[in-house]
Amino acid sequence: MKRLIFATLAFAALGGTALAQTIDLSPLTRGADGQTAGTIIQLFGLLTILSLAPGILIMVTSFTRFVIAFSILRSGIGLQTTPANFILISLSLFMTFYVMAPTFDRAWNDGVRPLMNNEITEQVAVDRISAPFRSFMLNNVREKDFDLFADLARERGQNVVEGEAVDLRILVPAFMISEIRRGFEIGFLIVLPFLVIDLIVATITMSMGMMMLPPTVVSLPFKLLFFVLIDGWNLLVGSLVRSFA
């Protein structure tokens, strides 16, 4: 009991001493000017970009088309969890790196590397890094989708610049809509042969009087066999890669 009381008094004395002390921040703020606020804003912007990196990867690359096509393929075959979501996302991610390799290399050589070597400013680096992605999106965006967002921008009083200097606020949503549409178009072509197999199996089972047997149970092995015999993964991945300009 005496030891507990002694320890309590000792901690109270140390806490009072610590509370009596103050932290002097004057050395950190001495001589600060407008550049300090600019540096803080740049760091905040960098952290924001890093936190939004997964979303940026989806918005300005080929990831959307790949993941939609692979997901529709799994649903068309009739498999719920095979391949797993992790496998589909990983495959889509690496196929995105494969398709976007020239764009990434150009952005690194023209923008990131000179910035790291202090050869260019941050503003110039941002323009050089975004230029390859802007070119990629311009080559793959549908003209109708681009015109939609360009017209909406004009209605709101925004300036629309055509060509390589187009505003990303117009190009990115137009590109995403185009990628979603193309992903569904490819998905329709993927699902169509599996739908035919389901119809044939359903007709046969109904004519045999097997009312209680779900047709999908019988058609699943045939759909898997069909997809393997035609080397479906090779055809699908090759077609998706060739679909990008």
C-alpha atoms as a PDB file:
ATOM      1  CA  MET A   1       0.000   0.000   0.000  1.00  0.00           C
ATOM      2  CA  LYS A   2       2.835   2.377   0.830  1.00  0.00           C
ATOM      3  CA  ARG A   3       4.497   1.594  -2.486  1.00  0.00           C
ATOM      4  CA  LEU A   4       1.281   2.350  -4.369  1.00  0.00           C
ATOM      5  CA  ILE A   5       0.890   5.706  -2.621  1.00  0.00           C
ATOM      6  CA  PHE A   6       4.535   6.575  -3.309  1.00  0.00           C
ATOM      7  CA  ALA A   7       4.215   5.700  -6.995  1.00  0.00           C
ATOM      8  CA  THR A   8       1.041   7.777  -7.329  1.00  0.00           C
ATOM      9  CA  LEU A   9       2.720  10.818  -5.775  1.00  0.00           C
ATOM     10  CA  ALA A  10       5.749  10.377  -8.060  1.00  0.00           C
ATOM     11  CA  PHE A  11       3.607  10.264 -11.234  1.00  0.00           C
ATOM     12  CA  ALA A  12       1.645  13.307 -10.080  1.00  0.00           C
ATOM     13  CA  ALA A  13       4.868  15.245  -9.542  1.00  0.00           C
ATOM     14  CA  LEU A  14       6.211  14.274 -12.974  1.00  0.00           C
ATOM     15  CA  GLY A  15       2.883  15.139 -14.626  1.00  0.00           C
ATOM     16  CA  GLY A  16       2.855  18.574 -12.974  1.00  0.00           C
ATOM     17  CA  THR A  17       6.376  19.209 -14.197  1.00  0.00           C
ATOM     18  CA  ALA A  18       5.441  18.143 -17.749  1.00  0.00           C
ATOM     19  CA  LEU A  19       2.334  20.316 -17.796  1.00  0.00           C
ATOM     20  CA  ALA A  20       4.350  23.276 -16.593  1.00  0.00           C
ATOM     21  CA  GLN A  21       6.616  23.008 -19.630  1.00  0.00           C
ATOM     22  CA  THR A  22       5.703  24.579 -22.996  1.00  0.00           C
ATOM     23  CA  ILE A  23       6.888  23.650 -26.494  1.00  0.00           C
ATOM     24  CA  ASP A  24       8.701  26.422 -28.307  1.00  0.00           C
ATOM     25  CA  LEU A  25       7.810  26.393 -32.018  1.00  0.00           C
ATOM     26  CA  SER A  26       9.526  29.654 -32.831  1.00  0.00           C
ATOM     27  CA  PRO A  27      12.535  27.982 -34.542  1.00  0.00           C
ATOM     28  CA  LEU A  28      10.160  26.307 -37.012  1.00  0.00           C
ATOM     29  CA  THR A  29       8.247  29.459 -37.877  1.00  0.00           C
ATOM     30  CA  ARG A  30      11.112  31.955 -37.730  1.00  0.00           C
ATOM     31  CA  GLY A  31      11.674  33.545 -41.128  1.00  0.00           C
ATOM     32  CA  ALA A  32       8.598  31.951 -42.711  1.00  0.00           C
ATOM     33  CA  ASP A  33       7.111  33.675 -45.752  1.00  0.00           C
ATOM     34  CA  GLY A  34       4.640  32.908 -48.518  1.00  0.00           C
ATOM     35  CA  GLN A  35       6.722  29.976 -49.718  1.00  0.00           C
ATOM     36  CA  THR A  36       5.894  28.060 -46.532  1.00  0.00           C
ATOM     37  CA  ALA A  37       2.174  28.120 -47.324  1.00  0.00           C
ATOM     38  CA  GLY A  38       2.914  27.114 -50.910  1.00  0.00           C
ATOM     39  CA  THR A  39       4.966  24.141 -49.744  1.00  0.00           C
ATOM     40  CA  ILE A  40       2.200  23.039 -47.374  1.00  0.00           C
ATOM     41  CA  ILE A  41      -0.348  23.242 -50.194  1.00  0.00           C
ATOM     42  CA  GLN A  42       1.917  21.208 -52.492  1.00  0.00           C
ATOM     43  CA  LEU A  43       2.376  18.516 -49.856  1.00  0.00           C
ATOM     44  CA  PHE A  44      -1.356  18.417 -49.220  1.00  0.00           C
ATOM     45  CA  GLY A  45      -2.017  18.072 -52.949  1.00  0.00           C
ATOM     46  CA  LEU A  46       0.545  15.273 -53.243  1.00  0.00           C
ATOM     47  CA  LEU A  47      -1.018  13.346 -50.367  1.00  0.00           C
ATOM     48  CA  THR A  48      -4.457  13.817 -51.927  1.00  0.00           C
ATOM     49  CA  ILE A  49      -3.262  12.461 -55.269  1.00  0.00           C
ATOM     50  CA  LEU A  50      -1.644   9.454 -53.608  1.00  0.00           C
ATOM     51  CA  SER A  51      -4.843   8.676 -51.699  1.00  0.00           C
ATOM     52  CA  LEU A  52      -6.847   8.858 -54.938  1.00  0.00           C
ATOM     53  CA  ALA A  53      -4.345   6.786 -56.936  1.00  0.00           C
ATOM     54  CA  PRO A  54      -6.619   3.692 -57.238  1.00  0.00           C
ATOM     55  CA  GLY A  55      -9.478   5.829 -58.504  1.00  0.00           C
ATOM     56  CA  ILE A  56      -7.205   7.625 -60.964  1.00  0.00           C
ATOM     57  CA  LEU A  57      -5.957   4.250 -62.228  1.00  0.00           C
ATOM     58  CA  ILE A  58      -9.545   3.234 -62.967  1.00  0.00           C
ATOM     59  CA  MET A  59     -10.553   6.546 -64.536  1.00  0.00           C
ATOM     60  CA  VAL A  60      -7.764   7.160 -67.061  1.00  0.00           C
ATOM     61  CA  THR A  61      -6.610   3.640 -68.004  1.00  0.00           C
ATOM     62  CA  SER A  62      -7.970   0.494 -69.631  1.00  0.00           C
ATOM     63  CA  PHE A  63      -8.817  -1.150 -66.303  1.00  0.00           C
ATOM     64  CA  THR A  64     -12.569  -0.525 -66.600  1.00  0.00           C
ATOM     65  CA  ARG A  65     -12.983  -2.439 -69.860  1.00  0.00           C
ATOM     66  CA  PHE A  66     -11.002  -5.428 -68.616  1.00  0.00           C
ATOM     67  CA  VAL A  67     -12.779  -5.829 -65.284  1.00  0.00           C
ATOM     68  CA  ILE A  68     -16.257  -5.466 -66.835  1.00  0.00           C
ATOM     69  CA  ALA A  69     -15.528  -8.061 -69.528  1.00  0.00           C
ATOM     70  CA  PHE A  70     -14.094 -10.564 -67.046  1.00  0.00           C
ATOM     71  CA  SER A  71     -17.002 -10.096 -64.625  1.00  0.00           C
ATOM     72  CA  ILE A  72     -19.603 -10.615 -67.367  1.00  0.00           C
ATOM     73  CA  LEU A  73     -17.715 -13.715 -68.512  1.00  0.00           C
ATOM     74  CA  ARG A  74     -17.988 -15.250 -65.063  1.00  0.00           C
ATOM     75  CA  SER A  75     -21.694 -14.453 -64.866  1.00  0.00           C
ATOM     76  CA  GLY A  76     -22.304 -15.788 -68.371  1.00  0.00           C
ATOM     77  CA  ILE A  77     -20.720 -19.126 -67.576  1.00  0.00           C
ATOM     78  CA  GLY A  78     -22.808 -19.322 -64.418  1.00  0.00           C
ATOM     79  CA  LEU A  79     -20.023 -19.360 -61.844  1.00  0.00           C
ATOM     80  CA  GLN A  80     -20.630 -17.269 -58.753  1.00  0.00           C
ATOM     81  CA  THR A  81     -17.222 -17.100 -57.085  1.00  0.00           C
ATOM     82  CA  THR A  82     -14.841 -18.783 -59.559  1.00  0.00           C
ATOM     83  CA  PRO A  83     -12.566 -17.153 -60.563  1.00  0.00           C
ATOM     84  CA  ALA A  84     -12.515 -15.157 -57.358  1.00  0.00           C
ATOM     85  CA  ASN A  85     -12.803 -11.372 -57.392  1.00  0.00           C
ATOM     86  CA  PHE A  86      -9.169 -11.092 -56.341  1.00  0.00           C
ATOM     87  CA  ILE A  87      -8.074 -13.104 -59.386  1.00  0.00           C
ATOM     88  CA  LEU A  88     -10.215 -11.099 -61.801  1.00  0.00           C
ATOM     89  CA  ILE A  89      -9.047  -7.758 -60.399  1.00  0.00           C
ATOM     90  CA  SER A  90      -5.413  -8.884 -60.394  1.00  0.00           C
ATOM     91  CA  LEU A  91      -5.664 -10.085 -64.001  1.00  0.00           C
ATOM     92  CA  SER A  92      -7.341  -6.822 -65.019  1.00  0.00           C
ATOM     93  CA  LEU A  93      -4.640  -4.862 -63.223  1.00  0.00           C
ATOM     94  CA  PHE A  94      -1.737  -6.622 -64.915  1.00  0.00           C
ATOM     95  CA  MET A  95      -3.432  -6.444 -68.317  1.00  0.00           C
ATOM     96  CA  THR A  96      -3.848  -2.723 -67.691  1.00  0.00           C
ATOM     97  CA  PHE A  97      -0.120  -2.404 -67.015  1.00  0.00           C
ATOM     98  CA  TYR A  98       0.550  -4.314 -70.235  1.00  0.00           C
ATOM     99  CA  VAL A  99      -1.679  -2.096 -72.370  1.00  0.00           C
ATOM    100  CA  MET A 100      -0.638   1.140 -70.676  1.00  0.00           C
ATOM    101  CA  ALA A 101       3.113   0.382 -70.655  1.00  0.00           C
ATOM    102  CA  PRO A 102       3.973   2.871 -73.459  1.00  0.00           C
ATOM    103  CA  THR A 103       1.886   5.549 -71.721  1.00  0.00           C
ATOM    104  CA  PHE A 104       3.516   4.908 -68.347  1.00  0.00           C
ATOM    105  CA  ASP A 105       7.006   4.945 -69.889  1.00  0.00           C
ATOM    106  CA  ARG A 106       6.361   8.233 -71.637  1.00  0.00           C
ATOM    107  CA  ALA A 107       4.960   9.838 -68.492  1.00  0.00           C
ATOM    108  CA  TRP A 108       7.968   8.636 -66.478  1.00  0.00           C
ATOM    109  CA  ASN A 109      10.622   9.726 -68.981  1.00  0.00           C
ATOM    110  CA  ASP A 110       9.042  13.087 -69.845  1.00  0.00           C
ATOM    111  CA  GLY A 111       7.655  14.147 -66.484  1.00  0.00           C
ATOM    112  CA  VAL A 112       8.562  12.160 -63.389  1.00  0.00           C
ATOM    113  CA  ARG A 113      12.271  11.618 -64.022  1.00  0.00           C
ATOM    114  CA  PRO A 114      13.062  15.270 -64.928  1.00  0.00           C
ATOM    115  CA  LEU A 115      11.102  16.385 -61.847  1.00  0.00           C
ATOM    116  CA  MET A 116      13.096  14.073 -59.593  1.00  0.00           C
ATOM    117  CA  ASN A 117      16.319  15.451 -61.114  1.00  0.00           C
ATOM    118  CA  ASN A 118      15.130  19.037 -60.479  1.00  0.00           C
ATOM    119  CA  GLU A 119      15.242  19.779 -64.207  1.00  0.00           C
ATOM    120  CA  ILE A 120      11.657  21.064 -64.487  1.00  0.00           C
ATOM    121  CA  THR A 121       9.099  22.667 -62.197  1.00  0.00           C
ATOM    122  CA  GLU A 122       6.048  20.965 -60.709  1.00  0.00           C
ATOM    123  CA  GLN A 123       3.667  22.722 -63.110  1.00  0.00           C
ATOM    124  CA  VAL A 124       5.618  21.573 -66.149  1.00  0.00           C
ATOM    125  CA  ALA A 125       5.843  18.069 -64.699  1.00  0.00           C
ATOM    126  CA  VAL A 126       2.070  17.862 -64.231  1.00  0.00           C
ATOM    127  CA  ASP A 127       1.514  18.876 -67.869  1.00  0.00           C
ATOM    128  CA  ARG A 128       4.050  16.356 -69.148  1.00  0.00           C
ATOM    129  CA  ILE A 129       2.729  13.522 -66.987  1.00  0.00           C
ATOM    130  CA  SER A 130      -0.894  14.105 -67.988  1.00  0.00           C
ATOM    131  CA  ALA A 131      -0.125  14.488 -71.702  1.00  0.00           C
ATOM    132  CA  PRO A 132       0.346  10.732 -72.446  1.00  0.00           C
ATOM    133  CA  PHE A 133      -2.840   9.821 -70.596  1.00  0.00           C
ATOM    134  CA  ARG A 134      -4.716  12.592 -72.397  1.00  0.00           C
ATOM    135  CA  SER A 135      -3.541  11.211 -75.741  1.00  0.00           C
ATOM    136  CA  PHE A 136      -4.562   7.680 -74.770  1.00  0.00           C
ATOM    137  CA  MET A 137      -8.043   8.792 -73.756  1.00  0.00           C
ATOM    138  CA  LEU A 138      -8.479  10.877 -76.902  1.00  0.00           C
ATOM    139  CA  ASN A 139      -7.606   7.859 -79.044  1.00  0.00           C
ATOM    140  CA  ASN A 140     -10.154   5.626 -77.286  1.00  0.00           C
ATOM    141  CA  VAL A 141     -13.036   7.945 -76.374  1.00  0.00           C
ATOM    142  CA  ARG A 142     -16.211   7.866 -78.424  1.00  0.00           C
ATOM    143  CA  GLU A 143     -16.881  11.064 -80.304  1.00  0.00           C
ATOM    144  CA  LYS A 144     -20.536  11.040 -79.213  1.00  0.00           C
ATOM    145  CA  ASP A 145     -19.622  10.815 -75.523  1.00  0.00           C
ATOM    146  CA  PHE A 146     -17.017  13.545 -75.863  1.00  0.00           C
ATOM    147  CA  ASP A 147     -19.493  15.830 -77.631  1.00  0.00           C
ATOM    148  CA  LEU A 148     -22.000  15.247 -74.828  1.00  0.00           C
ATOM    149  CA  PHE A 149     -19.707  16.551 -72.095  1.00  0.00           C
ATOM    150  CA  ALA A 150     -18.355  19.293 -74.358  1.00  0.00           C
ATOM    151  CA  ASP A 151     -21.893  20.555 -74.961  1.00  0.00           C
ATOM    152  CA  LEU A 152     -22.674  20.374 -71.245  1.00  0.00           C
ATOM    153  CA  ALA A 153     -19.537  22.397 -70.528  1.00  0.00           C
ATOM    154  CA  ARG A 154     -20.539  25.050 -73.072  1.00  0.00           C
ATOM    155  CA  GLU A 155     -24.000  25.258 -71.506  1.00  0.00           C
ATOM    156  CA  ARG A 156     -22.340  25.972 -68.150  1.00  0.00           C
ATOM    157  CA  GLY A 157     -20.167  28.698 -69.632  1.00  0.00           C
ATOM    158  CA  GLN A 158     -16.904  26.729 -69.632  1.00  0.00           C
ATOM    159  CA  ASN A 159     -14.304  27.050 -72.360  1.00  0.00           C
ATOM    160  CA  VAL A 160     -13.835  23.876 -74.410  1.00  0.00           C
ATOM    161  CA  VAL A 161     -10.436  23.438 -76.064  1.00  0.00           C
ATOM    162  CA  GLU A 162     -10.238  20.790 -78.763  1.00  0.00           C
ATOM    163  CA  GLY A 163      -7.199  18.651 -79.531  1.00  0.00           C
ATOM    164  CA  GLU A 164      -4.373  17.668 -77.210  1.00  0.00           C
ATOM    165  CA  ALA A 165      -5.077  20.521 -74.796  1.00  0.00           C
ATOM    166  CA  VAL A 166      -8.641  19.434 -74.017  1.00  0.00           C
ATOM    167  CA  ASP A 167      -9.741  19.867 -70.417  1.00  0.00           C
ATOM    168  CA  LEU A 168      -9.508  16.679 -68.363  1.00  0.00           C
ATOM    169  CA  ARG A 169     -12.778  17.573 -66.636  1.00  0.00           C
ATOM    170  CA  ILE A 170     -14.456  16.915 -69.986  1.00  0.00           C
ATOM    171  CA  LEU A 171     -12.270  14.108 -71.290  1.00  0.00           C
ATOM    172  CA  VAL A 172     -12.178  11.833 -68.221  1.00  0.00           C
ATOM    173  CA  PRO A 173     -15.960  11.323 -67.738  1.00  0.00           C
ATOM    174  CA  ALA A 174     -16.434  10.930 -71.491  1.00  0.00           C
ATOM    175  CA  PHE A 175     -13.681   8.302 -71.574  1.00  0.00           C
ATOM    176  CA  MET A 176     -15.184   6.420 -68.619  1.00  0.00           C
ATOM    177  CA  ILE A 177     -18.623   6.275 -70.253  1.00  0.00           C
ATOM    178  CA  SER A 178     -17.029   5.036 -73.469  1.00  0.00           C
ATOM    179  CA  GLU A 179     -15.150   2.318 -71.614  1.00  0.00           C
ATOM    180  CA  ILE A 180     -18.280   1.161 -69.777  1.00  0.00           C
ATOM    181  CA  ARG A 181     -20.197   0.989 -73.061  1.00  0.00           C
ATOM    182  CA  ARG A 182     -17.463  -0.985 -74.808  1.00  0.00           C
ATOM    183  CA  GLY A 183     -17.212  -3.310 -71.818  1.00  0.00           C
ATOM    184  CA  PHE A 184     -20.937  -4.083 -72.090  1.00  0.00           C
ATOM    185  CA  GLU A 185     -20.663  -4.552 -75.857  1.00  0.00           C
ATOM    186  CA  ILE A 186     -17.885  -7.081 -75.386  1.00  0.00           C
ATOM    187  CA  GLY A 187     -19.830  -8.686 -72.550  1.00  0.00           C
ATOM    188  CA  PHE A 188     -22.847  -9.183 -74.844  1.00  0.00           C
ATOM    189  CA  LEU A 189     -20.704 -11.018 -77.374  1.00  0.00           C
ATOM    190  CA  ILE A 190     -19.271 -13.151 -74.567  1.00  0.00           C
ATOM    191  CA  VAL A 191     -22.621 -14.106 -73.035  1.00  0.00           C
ATOM    192  CA  LEU A 192     -24.406 -14.862 -76.328  1.00  0.00           C
ATOM    193  CA  PRO A 193     -22.939 -18.372 -76.981  1.00  0.00           C
ATOM    194  CA  PHE A 194     -23.483 -19.363 -73.351  1.00  0.00           C
ATOM    195  CA  LEU A 195     -27.101 -18.235 -73.626  1.00  0.00           C
ATOM    196  CA  VAL A 196     -27.546 -20.490 -76.657  1.00  0.00           C
ATOM    197  CA  ILE A 197     -26.192 -23.451 -74.673  1.00  0.00           C
ATOM    198  CA  ASP A 198     -28.603 -22.671 -71.825  1.00  0.00           C
ATOM    199  CA  LEU A 199     -31.550 -22.554 -74.232  1.00  0.00           C
ATOM    200  CA  ILE A 200     -30.616 -25.857 -75.858  1.00  0.00           C
ATOM    201  CA  VAL A 201     -30.171 -27.595 -72.515  1.00  0.00           C
ATOM    202  CA  ALA A 202     -33.431 -26.135 -71.176  1.00  0.00           C
ATOM    203  CA  THR A 203     -35.329 -27.319 -74.258  1.00  0.00           C
ATOM    204  CA  ILE A 204     -33.919 -30.838 -73.957  1.00  0.00           C
ATOM    205  CA  THR A 205     -34.630 -31.143 -70.231  1.00  0.00           C
ATOM    206  CA  MET A 206     -38.183 -29.834 -70.656  1.00  0.00           C
ATOM    207  CA  SER A 207     -38.879 -32.264 -73.525  1.00  0.00           C
ATOM    208  CA  MET A 208     -37.651 -35.134 -71.332  1.00  0.00           C
ATOM    209  CA  GLY A 209     -40.037 -34.113 -68.574  1.00  0.00           C
ATOM    210  CA  MET A 210     -37.368 -33.181 -66.040  1.00  0.00           C
ATOM    211  CA  MET A 211     -39.260 -30.218 -64.640  1.00  0.00           C
ATOM    212  CA  MET A 212     -37.565 -30.173 -61.262  1.00  0.00           C
ATOM    213  CA  LEU A 213     -34.007 -30.203 -62.635  1.00  0.00           C
ATOM    214  CA  PRO A 214     -32.554 -26.679 -63.072  1.00  0.00           C
ATOM    215  CA  PRO A 215     -31.175 -26.345 -66.620  1.00  0.00           C
ATOM    216  CA  THR A 216     -28.149 -24.429 -65.342  1.00  0.00           C
ATOM    217  CA  VAL A 217     -26.951 -27.492 -63.425  1.00  0.00           C
ATOM    218  CA  VAL A 218     -26.786 -29.485 -66.665  1.00  0.00           C
ATOM    219  CA  SER A 219     -25.505 -26.665 -68.887  1.00  0.00           C
ATOM    220  CA  LEU A 220     -22.625 -25.600 -66.625  1.00  0.00           C
ATOM    221  CA  PRO A 221     -20.273 -28.485 -67.578  1.00  0.00           C
ATOM    222  CA  PHE A 222     -21.037 -27.956 -71.287  1.00  0.00           C
ATOM    223  CA  LYS A 223     -20.316 -24.226 -71.034  1.00  0.00           C
ATOM    224  CA  LEU A 224     -17.028 -24.895 -69.275  1.00  0.00           C
ATOM    225  CA  LEU A 225     -16.089 -27.517 -71.877  1.00  0.00           C
ATOM    226  CA  PHE A 226     -17.014 -25.144 -74.707  1.00  0.00           C
ATOM    227  CA  PHE A 227     -14.955 -22.306 -73.233  1.00  0.00           C
ATOM    228  CA  VAL A 228     -11.927 -24.548 -72.738  1.00  0.00           C
ATOM    229  CA  LEU A 229     -12.120 -26.108 -76.235  1.00  0.00           C
ATOM    230  CA  ILE A 230     -12.154 -22.736 -77.983  1.00  0.00           C
ATOM    231  CA  ASP A 231      -9.281 -21.514 -75.758  1.00  0.00           C
ATOM    232  CA  GLY A 232     -11.518 -18.758 -74.455  1.00  0.00           C
ATOM    233  CA  TRP A 233      -9.063 -16.937 -72.202  1.00  0.00           C
ATOM    234  CA  ASN A 234      -6.583 -16.580 -75.062  1.00  0.00           C
ATOM    235  CA  LEU A 235      -9.246 -15.273 -77.440  1.00  0.00           C
ATOM    236  CA  LEU A 236     -10.802 -12.928 -74.901  1.00  0.00           C
ATOM    237  CA  VAL A 237      -7.581 -11.368 -73.637  1.00  0.00           C
ATOM    238  CA  GLY A 238      -6.179 -11.027 -77.153  1.00  0.00           C
ATOM    239  CA  SER A 239      -9.364  -9.353 -78.383  1.00  0.00           C
ATOM    240  CA  LEU A 240      -9.427  -6.963 -75.426  1.00  0.00           C
ATOM    241  CA  VAL A 241      -5.814  -5.905 -75.960  1.00  0.00           C
ATOM    242  CA  ARG A 242      -6.365  -5.369 -79.696  1.00  0.00           C
ATOM    243  CA  SER A 243      -9.485  -3.315 -79.020  1.00  0.00           C
ATOM    244  CA  PHE A 244      -7.396  -0.385 -77.728  1.00  0.00           C
ATOM    245  CA  ALA A 245      -6.115   2.140 -80.207  1.00  0.00           C
END
